[in-house]
Amino acid sequence: MDNDRFTGSAKNVAGKVEGAFGDALGDRSTQASGRARQAEGTAQDLYGQAKDVARDAAGAAANYARQFQDETLAEIVRENPVRALWVAGGIGFALALMLRRPSR
C-alpha cells in the first residue's frame, strides 16, 4: 500500500473533523478550510491508489512476459535441440573473440 494513501486518508479525516468543528461553531473559514483539507486528502488518496494499480499492472506484465519468454525458449530448444546448441556455441564463440581482442 502506498504512503500517499495513508497520508491522504489522514488528511481526509482531519478535514472532516475540521469541517465539523466549523459547522458546530458556525465559522465559515474553518468550514472552508476543513473542506479544502478533505478534498486534498481525497485527491492524495486517489493518487496513491493509482500508483498502486500502476505498480501492480507493471508487475503482472513483467511476470507474464517472463513466463511467456521462458515457455517460448523452452519450446524452441525442445523442438530444435541441435539448432539451439549451434546458436549457444556461436554466441560463446563471438564472446570469446570480443574478449580476446588486444587492447589499444
C-alpha atoms as a PDB file:
ATOM      1  CA  MET A   1       0.000   0.000   0.000  1.00  0.00           C
ATOM      2  CA  ASP A   2       1.341   3.392  -0.974  1.00  0.00           C
ATOM      3  CA  ASN A   3       2.305   6.062   1.588  1.00  0.00           C
ATOM      4  CA  ASP A   4       0.158   8.614  -0.272  1.00  0.00           C
ATOM      5  CA  ARG A   5      -2.906   6.541   0.525  1.00  0.00           C
ATOM      6  CA  PHE A   6      -2.210   6.690   4.281  1.00  0.00           C
ATOM      7  CA  THR A   7      -1.411  10.405   4.210  1.00  0.00           C
ATOM      8  CA  GLY A   8      -4.433  11.150   2.035  1.00  0.00           C
ATOM      9  CA  SER A   9      -6.763   9.226   4.326  1.00  0.00           C
ATOM     10  CA  ALA A  10      -5.386  11.054   7.371  1.00  0.00           C
ATOM     11  CA  LYS A  11      -5.890  14.449   5.693  1.00  0.00           C
ATOM     12  CA  ASN A  12      -9.384  13.425   4.667  1.00  0.00           C
ATOM     13  CA  VAL A  13     -10.326  12.530   8.259  1.00  0.00           C
ATOM     14  CA  ALA A  14      -8.677  15.694   9.617  1.00  0.00           C
ATOM     15  CA  GLY A  15     -10.617  17.746   7.080  1.00  0.00           C
ATOM     16  CA  LYS A  16     -13.892  16.116   8.106  1.00  0.00           C
ATOM     17  CA  VAL A  17     -13.176  16.854  11.766  1.00  0.00           C
ATOM     18  CA  GLU A  18     -12.183  20.452  10.997  1.00  0.00           C
ATOM     19  CA  GLY A  19     -15.288  20.909   8.869  1.00  0.00           C
ATOM     20  CA  ALA A  20     -17.468  19.515  11.654  1.00  0.00           C
ATOM     21  CA  PHE A  21     -15.939  21.969  14.141  1.00  0.00           C
ATOM     22  CA  GLY A  22     -16.590  24.760  11.679  1.00  0.00           C
ATOM     23  CA  ASP A  23     -20.203  23.615  11.340  1.00  0.00           C
ATOM     24  CA  ALA A  24     -20.635  23.421  15.111  1.00  0.00           C
ATOM     25  CA  LEU A  25     -19.096  26.850  15.691  1.00  0.00           C
ATOM     26  CA  GLY A  26     -20.708  28.449  12.636  1.00  0.00           C
ATOM     27  CA  ASP A  27     -17.261  29.558  11.436  1.00  0.00           C
ATOM     28  CA  ARG A  28     -17.259  29.647   7.642  1.00  0.00           C
ATOM     29  CA  SER A  29     -13.472  29.952   7.458  1.00  0.00           C
ATOM     30  CA  THR A  30     -12.962  26.750   9.443  1.00  0.00           C
ATOM     31  CA  GLN A  31     -15.641  25.010   7.404  1.00  0.00           C
ATOM     32  CA  ALA A  32     -13.926  26.006   4.144  1.00  0.00           C
ATOM     33  CA  SER A  33     -10.513  25.039   5.458  1.00  0.00           C
ATOM     34  CA  GLY A  34     -11.849  21.629   6.519  1.00  0.00           C
ATOM     35  CA  ARG A  35     -13.498  21.030   3.161  1.00  0.00           C
ATOM     36  CA  ALA A  36     -10.271  22.020   1.358  1.00  0.00           C
ATOM     37  CA  ARG A  37      -8.182  19.661   3.519  1.00  0.00           C
ATOM     38  CA  GLN A  38     -10.721  16.903   2.957  1.00  0.00           C
ATOM     39  CA  ALA A  39     -10.556  17.423  -0.835  1.00  0.00           C
ATOM     40  CA  GLU A  40      -6.742  17.444  -0.715  1.00  0.00           C
ATOM     41  CA  GLY A  41      -6.752  14.202   1.265  1.00  0.00           C
ATOM     42  CA  THR A  42      -9.167  12.557  -1.161  1.00  0.00           C
ATOM     43  CA  ALA A  43      -7.022  13.598  -4.114  1.00  0.00           C
ATOM     44  CA  GLN A  44      -3.842  12.303  -2.465  1.00  0.00           C
ATOM     45  CA  ASP A  45      -5.555   9.013  -1.590  1.00  0.00           C
ATOM     46  CA  LEU A  46      -6.717   8.598  -5.200  1.00  0.00           C
ATOM     47  CA  TYR A  47      -3.183   9.357  -6.399  1.00  0.00           C
ATOM     48  CA  GLY A  48      -1.824   6.645  -4.095  1.00  0.00           C
ATOM     49  CA  GLN A  49      -4.434   4.195  -5.364  1.00  0.00           C
ATOM     50  CA  ALA A  50      -3.454   4.973  -8.961  1.00  0.00           C
ATOM     51  CA  LYS A  51       0.216   4.357  -8.116  1.00  0.00           C
ATOM     52  CA  ASP A  52      -0.703   1.019  -6.528  1.00  0.00           C
ATOM     53  CA  VAL A  53      -2.694  -0.022  -9.587  1.00  0.00           C
ATOM     54  CA  ALA A  54       0.124   1.008 -11.937  1.00  0.00           C
ATOM     55  CA  ARG A  55       2.706  -0.861  -9.833  1.00  0.00           C
ATOM     56  CA  ASP A  56       0.537  -3.992  -9.765  1.00  0.00           C
ATOM     57  CA  ALA A  57      -0.095  -3.821 -13.519  1.00  0.00           C
ATOM     58  CA  ALA A  58       3.606  -3.407 -14.270  1.00  0.00           C
ATOM     59  CA  GLY A  59       4.457  -6.367 -12.055  1.00  0.00           C
ATOM     60  CA  ALA A  60       1.798  -8.536 -13.683  1.00  0.00           C
ATOM     61  CA  ALA A  61       3.007  -7.565 -17.162  1.00  0.00           C
ATOM     62  CA  ALA A  62       6.621  -8.359 -16.261  1.00  0.00           C
ATOM     63  CA  ASN A  63       5.617 -11.747 -14.819  1.00  0.00           C
ATOM     64  CA  TYR A  64       3.555 -12.549 -17.906  1.00  0.00           C
ATOM     65  CA  ALA A  65       6.419 -11.568 -20.233  1.00  0.00           C
ATOM     66  CA  ARG A  66       8.920 -13.614 -18.207  1.00  0.00           C
ATOM     67  CA  GLN A  67       6.622 -16.642 -18.246  1.00  0.00           C
ATOM     68  CA  PHE A  68       5.981 -16.285 -21.987  1.00  0.00           C
ATOM     69  CA  GLN A  69       9.705 -15.922 -22.696  1.00  0.00           C
ATOM     70  CA  ASP A  70      10.608 -18.986 -20.621  1.00  0.00           C
ATOM     71  CA  GLU A  71       7.896 -21.116 -22.229  1.00  0.00           C
ATOM     72  CA  THR A  72       8.787 -19.973 -25.746  1.00  0.00           C
ATOM     73  CA  LEU A  73      12.517 -20.558 -25.273  1.00  0.00           C
ATOM     74  CA  ALA A  74      11.866 -23.973 -23.766  1.00  0.00           C
ATOM     75  CA  GLU A  75       9.648 -24.929 -26.707  1.00  0.00           C
ATOM     76  CA  ILE A  76      12.280 -23.811 -29.222  1.00  0.00           C
ATOM     77  CA  VAL A  77      15.016 -25.827 -27.510  1.00  0.00           C
ATOM     78  CA  ARG A  78      12.731 -28.853 -27.189  1.00  0.00           C
ATOM     79  CA  GLU A  79      11.767 -28.734 -30.875  1.00  0.00           C
ATOM     80  CA  ASN A  80      15.266 -27.925 -32.230  1.00  0.00           C
ATOM     81  CA  PRO A  81      17.947 -29.071 -29.789  1.00  0.00           C
ATOM     82  CA  VAL A  82      20.747 -29.166 -32.372  1.00  0.00           C
ATOM     83  CA  ARG A  83      19.994 -25.668 -33.619  1.00  0.00           C
ATOM     84  CA  ALA A  84      19.874 -24.423 -30.012  1.00  0.00           C
ATOM     85  CA  LEU A  85      23.340 -25.918 -29.426  1.00  0.00           C
ATOM     86  CA  TRP A  86      24.679 -24.223 -32.570  1.00  0.00           C
ATOM     87  CA  VAL A  87      23.267 -20.863 -31.513  1.00  0.00           C
ATOM     88  CA  ALA A  88      24.673 -21.187 -27.989  1.00  0.00           C
ATOM     89  CA  GLY A  89      28.050 -22.201 -29.412  1.00  0.00           C
ATOM     90  CA  GLY A  90      28.038 -19.273 -31.826  1.00  0.00           C
ATOM     91  CA  ILE A  91      27.253 -16.825 -29.059  1.00  0.00           C
ATOM     92  CA  GLY A  92      30.036 -18.287 -26.942  1.00  0.00           C
ATOM     93  CA  PHE A  93      32.482 -18.085 -29.853  1.00  0.00           C
ATOM     94  CA  ALA A  94      31.552 -14.443 -30.545  1.00  0.00           C
ATOM     95  CA  LEU A  95      32.005 -13.540 -26.884  1.00  0.00           C
ATOM     96  CA  ALA A  96      35.394 -15.261 -26.818  1.00  0.00           C
ATOM     97  CA  LEU A  97      36.511 -13.267 -29.867  1.00  0.00           C
ATOM     98  CA  MET A  98      35.377  -9.984 -28.328  1.00  0.00           C
ATOM     99  CA  LEU A  99      37.122 -10.678 -25.038  1.00  0.00           C
ATOM    100  CA  ARG A 100      40.333 -11.907 -26.705  1.00  0.00           C
ATOM    101  CA  ARG A 101      40.943  -8.769 -28.776  1.00  0.00           C
ATOM    102  CA  PRO A 102      44.073  -6.888 -27.762  1.00  0.00           C
ATOM    103  CA  SER A 103      43.530  -3.520 -26.119  1.00  0.00           C
ATOM    104  CA  ARG A 104      44.772  -0.433 -27.929  1.00  0.00           C
END
